[in-house]
Amino acid sequence: MLRQPIESTQYVSIRYTERLADAGIAPSVGSVGDSYDNALAEMIIGLFKAEVIWRSGPWRGIDPVEFATLEWVD
């Protein structure tokens, strides 16, 4: 039986985990589909929409959105 090759995303994940371990760093991400990671991401996206997108719109192009995003992140 032939083994499936490792997907490139799996390889990146394995290398990422190995590099963190070599540096003595604990990863801040959970397992695949971890609800804590998803909740954090959804909260940040919600804050961004409330504080930037909805409050400052309507937008006339992508450039103003990019600059507003940079300012918000800063």
PDB file of N, CA and C in Angstrom:
ATOM      1  N   MET A   1       0.831  -1.170   0.000  1.00  0.00           N
ATOM      2  CA  MET A   1       0.000   0.000   0.000  1.00  0.00           C
ATOM      3  C   MET A   1       0.882   1.241   0.000  1.00  0.00           C
ATOM      4  N   LEU A   2       0.563   2.187  -0.858  1.00  0.00           N
ATOM      5  CA  LEU A   2       1.331   3.422  -0.945  1.00  0.00           C
ATOM      6  C   LEU A   2       0.857   4.408   0.117  1.00  0.00           C
ATOM      7  N   ARG A   3       1.805   5.093   0.714  1.00  0.00           N
ATOM      8  CA  ARG A   3       1.456   6.138   1.684  1.00  0.00           C
ATOM      9  C   ARG A   3       1.208   7.440   0.960  1.00  0.00           C
ATOM     10  N   GLN A   4       0.253   8.198   1.447  1.00  0.00           N
ATOM     11  CA  GLN A   4       0.013   9.508   0.863  1.00  0.00           C
ATOM     12  C   GLN A   4       1.149  10.440   1.255  1.00  0.00           C
ATOM     13  N   PRO A   5       1.564  11.301   0.336  1.00  0.00           N
ATOM     14  CA  PRO A   5       2.613  12.255   0.715  1.00  0.00           C
ATOM     15  C   PRO A   5       2.072  13.243   1.745  1.00  0.00           C
ATOM     16  N   ILE A   6       2.976  13.756   2.557  1.00  0.00           N
ATOM     17  CA  ILE A   6       2.577  14.761   3.535  1.00  0.00           C
ATOM     18  C   ILE A   6       2.191  16.032   2.791  1.00  0.00           C
ATOM     19  N   GLU A   7       1.035  16.560   3.124  1.00  0.00           N
ATOM     20  CA  GLU A   7       0.599  17.817   2.509  1.00  0.00           C
ATOM     21  C   GLU A   7       1.579  18.922   2.898  1.00  0.00           C
ATOM     22  N   SER A   8       1.759  19.911   2.029  1.00  0.00           N
ATOM     23  CA  SER A   8       2.701  20.987   2.316  1.00  0.00           C
ATOM     24  C   SER A   8       2.302  21.752   3.570  1.00  0.00           C
ATOM     25  N   THR A   9       1.004  21.901   3.828  1.00  0.00           N
ATOM     26  CA  THR A   9       0.573  22.616   5.033  1.00  0.00           C
ATOM     27  C   THR A   9       0.908  21.821   6.282  1.00  0.00           C
ATOM     28  N   GLN A  10       0.838  20.495   6.190  1.00  0.00           N
ATOM     29  CA  GLN A  10       1.214  19.670   7.333  1.00  0.00           C
ATOM     30  C   GLN A  10       2.706  19.791   7.593  1.00  0.00           C
ATOM     31  N   TYR A  11       3.492  19.827   6.514  1.00  0.00           N
ATOM     32  CA  TYR A  11       4.942  19.948   6.655  1.00  0.00           C
ATOM     33  C   TYR A  11       5.294  21.264   7.333  1.00  0.00           C
ATOM     34  N   VAL A  12       4.654  22.347   6.908  1.00  0.00           N
ATOM     35  CA  VAL A  12       4.907  23.656   7.508  1.00  0.00           C
ATOM     36  C   VAL A  12       4.552  23.613   8.992  1.00  0.00           C
ATOM     37  N   SER A  13       3.423  22.995   9.325  1.00  0.00           N
ATOM     38  CA  SER A  13       2.996  22.893  10.715  1.00  0.00           C
ATOM     39  C   SER A  13       3.990  22.094  11.542  1.00  0.00           C
ATOM     40  N   ILE A  14       4.490  21.007  10.987  1.00  0.00           N
ATOM     41  CA  ILE A  14       5.469  20.172  11.695  1.00  0.00           C
ATOM     42  C   ILE A  14       6.752  20.975  11.925  1.00  0.00           C
ATOM     43  N   ARG A  15       7.233  21.640  10.897  1.00  0.00           N
ATOM     44  CA  ARG A  15       8.462  22.436  11.013  1.00  0.00           C
ATOM     45  C   ARG A  15       8.274  23.578  12.003  1.00  0.00           C
ATOM     46  N   TYR A  16       7.112  24.211  11.967  1.00  0.00           N
ATOM     47  CA  TYR A  16       6.797  25.302  12.897  1.00  0.00           C
ATOM     48  C   TYR A  16       6.862  24.800  14.329  1.00  0.00           C
ATOM     49  N   THR A  17       6.232  23.669  14.599  1.00  0.00           N
ATOM     50  CA  THR A  17       6.224  23.086  15.941  1.00  0.00           C
ATOM     51  C   THR A  17       7.632  22.711  16.378  1.00  0.00           C
ATOM     52  N   GLU A  18       8.417  22.139  15.468  1.00  0.00           N
ATOM     53  CA  GLU A  18       9.790  21.760  15.800  1.00  0.00           C
ATOM     54  C   GLU A  18      10.640  22.977  16.131  1.00  0.00           C
ATOM     55  N   ARG A  19      10.487  24.041  15.366  1.00  0.00           N
ATOM     56  CA  ARG A  19      11.264  25.263  15.607  1.00  0.00           C
ATOM     57  C   ARG A  19      10.930  25.877  16.959  1.00  0.00           C
ATOM     58  N   LEU A  20       9.645  25.895  17.285  1.00  0.00           N
ATOM     59  CA  LEU A  20       9.239  26.411  18.595  1.00  0.00           C
ATOM     60  C   LEU A  20       9.851  25.581  19.715  1.00  0.00           C
ATOM     61  N   ALA A  21       9.789  24.257  19.565  1.00  0.00           N
ATOM     62  CA  ALA A  21      10.350  23.367  20.592  1.00  0.00           C
ATOM     63  C   ALA A  21      11.853  23.582  20.728  1.00  0.00           C
ATOM     64  N   ASP A  22      12.565  23.735  19.603  1.00  0.00           N
ATOM     65  CA  ASP A  22      14.012  23.969  19.643  1.00  0.00           C
ATOM     66  C   ASP A  22      14.353  25.260  20.382  1.00  0.00           C
ATOM     67  N   ALA A  23      13.487  26.269  20.252  1.00  0.00           N
ATOM     68  CA  ALA A  23      13.722  27.558  20.899  1.00  0.00           C
ATOM     69  C   ALA A  23      13.187  27.586  22.329  1.00  0.00           C
ATOM     70  N   GLY A  24      12.538  26.491  22.755  1.00  0.00           N
ATOM     71  CA  GLY A  24      11.984  26.443  24.099  1.00  0.00           C
ATOM     72  C   GLY A  24      10.731  27.284  24.266  1.00  0.00           C
ATOM     73  N   ILE A  25       9.993  27.454  23.179  1.00  0.00           N
ATOM     74  CA  ILE A  25       8.781  28.282  23.199  1.00  0.00           C
ATOM     75  C   ILE A  25       7.566  27.377  23.119  1.00  0.00           C
ATOM     76  N   ALA A  26       6.595  27.627  23.977  1.00  0.00           N
ATOM     77  CA  ALA A  26       5.336  26.880  23.930  1.00  0.00           C
ATOM     78  C   ALA A  26       4.420  27.540  22.910  1.00  0.00           C
ATOM     79  N   PRO A  27       3.856  26.775  21.999  1.00  0.00           N
ATOM     80  CA  PRO A  27       2.960  27.373  21.001  1.00  0.00           C
ATOM     81  C   PRO A  27       1.705  27.934  21.663  1.00  0.00           C
ATOM     82  N   SER A  28       1.209  29.044  21.132  1.00  0.00           N
ATOM     83  CA  SER A  28       0.005  29.658  21.687  1.00  0.00           C
ATOM     84  C   SER A  28      -1.237  29.207  20.945  1.00  0.00           C
ATOM     85  N   VAL A  29      -1.069  28.340  19.981  1.00  0.00           N
ATOM     86  CA  VAL A  29      -2.211  27.843  19.218  1.00  0.00           C
ATOM     87  C   VAL A  29      -2.563  26.454  19.708  1.00  0.00           C
ATOM     88  N   GLY A  30      -3.838  26.134  19.648  1.00  0.00           N
ATOM     89  CA  GLY A  30      -4.293  24.830  20.108  1.00  0.00           C
ATOM     90  C   GLY A  30      -4.296  23.819  18.987  1.00  0.00           C
ATOM     91  N   SER A  31      -5.036  22.776  19.195  1.00  0.00           N
ATOM     92  CA  SER A  31      -5.163  21.747  18.181  1.00  0.00           C
ATOM     93  C   SER A  31      -6.081  22.248  17.073  1.00  0.00           C
ATOM     94  N   VAL A  32      -6.152  21.506  16.006  1.00  0.00           N
ATOM     95  CA  VAL A  32      -7.000  21.891  14.883  1.00  0.00           C
ATOM     96  C   VAL A  32      -8.439  21.994  15.359  1.00  0.00           C
ATOM     97  N   GLY A  33      -9.066  23.113  15.047  1.00  0.00           N
ATOM     98  CA  GLY A  33     -10.449  23.305  15.424  1.00  0.00           C
ATOM     99  C   GLY A  33     -10.651  23.656  16.879  1.00  0.00           C
ATOM    100  N   ASP A  34      -9.583  24.083  17.546  1.00  0.00           N
ATOM    101  CA  ASP A  34      -9.674  24.454  18.954  1.00  0.00           C
ATOM    102  C   ASP A  34     -10.613  25.644  19.115  1.00  0.00           C
ATOM    103  N   SER A  35     -11.606  25.510  19.972  1.00  0.00           N
ATOM    104  CA  SER A  35     -12.611  26.567  20.117  1.00  0.00           C
ATOM    105  C   SER A  35     -12.023  27.841  20.703  1.00  0.00           C
ATOM    106  N   TYR A  36     -10.962  27.739  21.511  1.00  0.00           N
ATOM    107  CA  TYR A  36     -10.371  28.940  22.086  1.00  0.00           C
ATOM    108  C   TYR A  36      -9.733  29.807  21.005  1.00  0.00           C
ATOM    109  N   ASP A  37      -9.016  29.191  20.072  1.00  0.00           N
ATOM    110  CA  ASP A  37      -8.413  29.946  18.980  1.00  0.00           C
ATOM    111  C   ASP A  37      -9.486  30.585  18.116  1.00  0.00           C
ATOM    112  N   ASN A  38     -10.532  29.844  17.813  1.00  0.00           N
ATOM    113  CA  ASN A  38     -11.604  30.374  16.988  1.00  0.00           C
ATOM    114  C   ASN A  38     -12.306  31.538  17.677  1.00  0.00           C
ATOM    115  N   ALA A  39     -12.535  31.421  18.969  1.00  0.00           N
ATOM    116  CA  ALA A  39     -13.215  32.481  19.706  1.00  0.00           C
ATOM    117  C   ALA A  39     -12.374  33.752  19.718  1.00  0.00           C
ATOM    118  N   LEU A  40     -11.079  33.616  19.900  1.00  0.00           N
ATOM    119  CA  LEU A  40     -10.200  34.778  19.903  1.00  0.00           C
ATOM    120  C   LEU A  40     -10.210  35.458  18.542  1.00  0.00           C
ATOM    121  N   ALA A  41     -10.087  34.682  17.483  1.00  0.00           N
ATOM    122  CA  ALA A  41     -10.089  35.245  16.133  1.00  0.00           C
ATOM    123  C   ALA A  41     -11.412  35.945  15.841  1.00  0.00           C
ATOM    124  N   GLU A  42     -12.514  35.330  16.200  1.00  0.00           N
ATOM    125  CA  GLU A  42     -13.817  35.934  15.949  1.00  0.00           C
ATOM    126  C   GLU A  42     -14.000  37.215  16.761  1.00  0.00           C
ATOM    127  N   MET A  43     -13.475  37.257  17.971  1.00  0.00           N
ATOM    128  CA  MET A  43     -13.582  38.452  18.789  1.00  0.00           C
ATOM    129  C   MET A  43     -12.799  39.611  18.168  1.00  0.00           C
ATOM    130  N   ILE A  44     -11.591  39.340  17.709  1.00  0.00           N
ATOM    131  CA  ILE A  44     -10.764  40.382  17.088  1.00  0.00           C
ATOM    132  C   ILE A  44     -11.424  40.894  15.814  1.00  0.00           C
ATOM    133  N   ILE A  45     -11.941  40.000  14.998  1.00  0.00           N
ATOM    134  CA  ILE A  45     -12.619  40.416  13.761  1.00  0.00           C
ATOM    135  C   ILE A  45     -13.845  41.260  14.091  1.00  0.00           C
ATOM    136  N   GLY A  46     -14.598  40.867  15.115  1.00  0.00           N
ATOM    137  CA  GLY A  46     -15.765  41.644  15.525  1.00  0.00           C
ATOM    138  C   GLY A  46     -15.388  43.033  16.002  1.00  0.00           C
ATOM    139  N   LEU A  47     -14.329  43.129  16.804  1.00  0.00           N
ATOM    140  CA  LEU A  47     -13.857  44.439  17.254  1.00  0.00           C
ATOM    141  C   LEU A  47     -13.432  45.304  16.079  1.00  0.00           C
ATOM    142  N   PHE A  48     -12.708  44.718  15.150  1.00  0.00           N
ATOM    143  CA  PHE A  48     -12.245  45.457  13.977  1.00  0.00           C
ATOM    144  C   PHE A  48     -13.424  46.003  13.181  1.00  0.00           C
ATOM    145  N   LYS A  49     -14.418  45.166  12.964  1.00  0.00           N
ATOM    146  CA  LYS A  49     -15.592  45.616  12.207  1.00  0.00           C
ATOM    147  C   LYS A  49     -16.316  46.736  12.933  1.00  0.00           C
ATOM    148  N   ALA A  50     -16.493  46.580  14.248  1.00  0.00           N
ATOM    149  CA  ALA A  50     -17.231  47.584  15.015  1.00  0.00           C
ATOM    150  C   ALA A  50     -16.470  48.896  15.112  1.00  0.00           C
ATOM    151  N   GLU A  51     -15.165  48.835  15.341  1.00  0.00           N
ATOM    152  CA  GLU A  51     -14.381  50.040  15.567  1.00  0.00           C
ATOM    153  C   GLU A  51     -13.913  50.727  14.291  1.00  0.00           C
ATOM    154  N   VAL A  52     -13.765  49.990  13.217  1.00  0.00           N
ATOM    155  CA  VAL A  52     -13.200  50.579  11.996  1.00  0.00           C
ATOM    156  C   VAL A  52     -14.194  50.542  10.833  1.00  0.00           C
ATOM    157  N   ILE A  53     -14.605  49.371  10.460  1.00  0.00           N
ATOM    158  CA  ILE A  53     -15.377  49.210   9.225  1.00  0.00           C
ATOM    159  C   ILE A  53     -16.727  49.905   9.309  1.00  0.00           C
ATOM    160  N   TRP A  54     -17.521  49.594  10.331  1.00  0.00           N
ATOM    161  CA  TRP A  54     -18.861  50.166  10.411  1.00  0.00           C
ATOM    162  C   TRP A  54     -18.845  51.629  10.826  1.00  0.00           C
ATOM    163  N   ARG A  55     -17.944  51.981  11.720  1.00  0.00           N
ATOM    164  CA  ARG A  55     -17.907  53.348  12.233  1.00  0.00           C
ATOM    165  C   ARG A  55     -17.407  54.343  11.191  1.00  0.00           C
ATOM    166  N   SER A  56     -16.469  53.942  10.354  1.00  0.00           N
ATOM    167  CA  SER A  56     -15.828  54.874   9.422  1.00  0.00           C
ATOM    168  C   SER A  56     -16.311  54.753   7.988  1.00  0.00           C
ATOM    169  N   GLY A  57     -17.188  53.813   7.689  1.00  0.00           N
ATOM    170  CA  GLY A  57     -17.660  53.628   6.319  1.00  0.00           C
ATOM    171  C   GLY A  57     -18.670  54.693   5.936  1.00  0.00           C
ATOM    172  N   PRO A  58     -19.158  54.735   4.737  1.00  0.00           N
ATOM    173  CA  PRO A  58     -18.837  53.793   3.655  1.00  0.00           C
ATOM    174  C   PRO A  58     -17.455  54.060   3.052  1.00  0.00           C
ATOM    175  N   TRP A  59     -16.861  53.010   2.566  1.00  0.00           N
ATOM    176  CA  TRP A  59     -15.512  53.078   2.002  1.00  0.00           C
ATOM    177  C   TRP A  59     -15.591  53.246   0.501  1.00  0.00           C
ATOM    178  N   ARG A  60     -14.683  54.012  -0.053  1.00  0.00           N
ATOM    179  CA  ARG A  60     -14.687  54.283  -1.492  1.00  0.00           C
ATOM    180  C   ARG A  60     -13.637  53.472  -2.252  1.00  0.00           C
ATOM    181  N   GLY A  61     -12.891  52.647  -1.549  1.00  0.00           N
ATOM    182  CA  GLY A  61     -11.880  51.816  -2.202  1.00  0.00           C
ATOM    183  C   GLY A  61     -11.095  51.029  -1.162  1.00  0.00           C
ATOM    184  N   ILE A  62     -10.206  50.207  -1.649  1.00  0.00           N
ATOM    185  CA  ILE A  62      -9.431  49.332  -0.770  1.00  0.00           C
ATOM    186  C   ILE A  62      -8.333  50.093  -0.035  1.00  0.00           C
ATOM    187  N   ASP A  63      -7.744  51.107  -0.655  1.00  0.00           N
ATOM    188  CA  ASP A  63      -6.649  51.842  -0.022  1.00  0.00           C
ATOM    189  C   ASP A  63      -7.049  52.478   1.307  1.00  0.00           C
ATOM    190  N   PRO A  64      -8.177  53.181   1.382  1.00  0.00           N
ATOM    191  CA  PRO A  64      -8.571  53.746   2.679  1.00  0.00           C
ATOM    192  C   PRO A  64      -8.796  52.671   3.755  1.00  0.00           C
ATOM    193  N   VAL A  65      -9.320  51.512   3.346  1.00  0.00           N
ATOM    194  CA  VAL A  65      -9.528  50.417   4.300  1.00  0.00           C
ATOM    195  C   VAL A  65      -8.179  49.905   4.801  1.00  0.00           C
ATOM    196  N   GLU A  66      -7.214  49.768   3.914  1.00  0.00           N
ATOM    197  CA  GLU A  66      -5.888  49.287   4.308  1.00  0.00           C
ATOM    198  C   GLU A  66      -5.214  50.257   5.271  1.00  0.00           C
ATOM    199  N   PHE A  67      -5.301  51.544   4.980  1.00  0.00           N
ATOM    200  CA  PHE A  67      -4.680  52.528   5.876  1.00  0.00           C
ATOM    201  C   PHE A  67      -5.379  52.567   7.235  1.00  0.00           C
ATOM    202  N   ALA A  68      -6.703  52.487   7.237  1.00  0.00           N
ATOM    203  CA  ALA A  68      -7.442  52.463   8.501  1.00  0.00           C
ATOM    204  C   ALA A  68      -7.100  51.216   9.306  1.00  0.00           C
ATOM    205  N   THR A  69      -6.894  50.109   8.615  1.00  0.00           N
ATOM    206  CA  THR A  69      -6.514  48.862   9.291  1.00  0.00           C
ATOM    207  C   THR A  69      -5.135  49.007   9.931  1.00  0.00           C
ATOM    208  N   LEU A  70      -4.199  49.583   9.196  1.00  0.00           N
ATOM    209  CA  LEU A  70      -2.856  49.786   9.732  1.00  0.00           C
ATOM    210  C   LEU A  70      -2.890  50.685  10.970  1.00  0.00           C
ATOM    211  N   GLU A  71      -3.671  51.744  10.902  1.00  0.00           N
ATOM    212  CA  GLU A  71      -3.793  52.635  12.061  1.00  0.00           C
ATOM    213  C   GLU A  71      -4.408  51.917  13.250  1.00  0.00           C
ATOM    214  N   TRP A  72      -5.421  51.094  13.008  1.00  0.00           N
ATOM    215  CA  TRP A  72      -6.101  50.375  14.085  1.00  0.00           C
ATOM    216  C   TRP A  72      -5.158  49.363  14.739  1.00  0.00           C
ATOM    217  N   VAL A  73      -4.392  48.656  13.928  1.00  0.00           N
ATOM    218  CA  VAL A  73      -3.463  47.669  14.460  1.00  0.00           C
ATOM    219  C   VAL A  73      -2.351  48.346  15.249  1.00  0.00           C
ATOM    220  N   ASP A  74      -1.896  49.509  14.752  1.00  0.00           N
ATOM    221  CA  ASP A  74      -0.840  50.231  15.434  1.00  0.00           C
ATOM    222  C   ASP A  74      -1.302  50.722  16.787  1.00  0.00           C
TER     223      ASP A  74
END
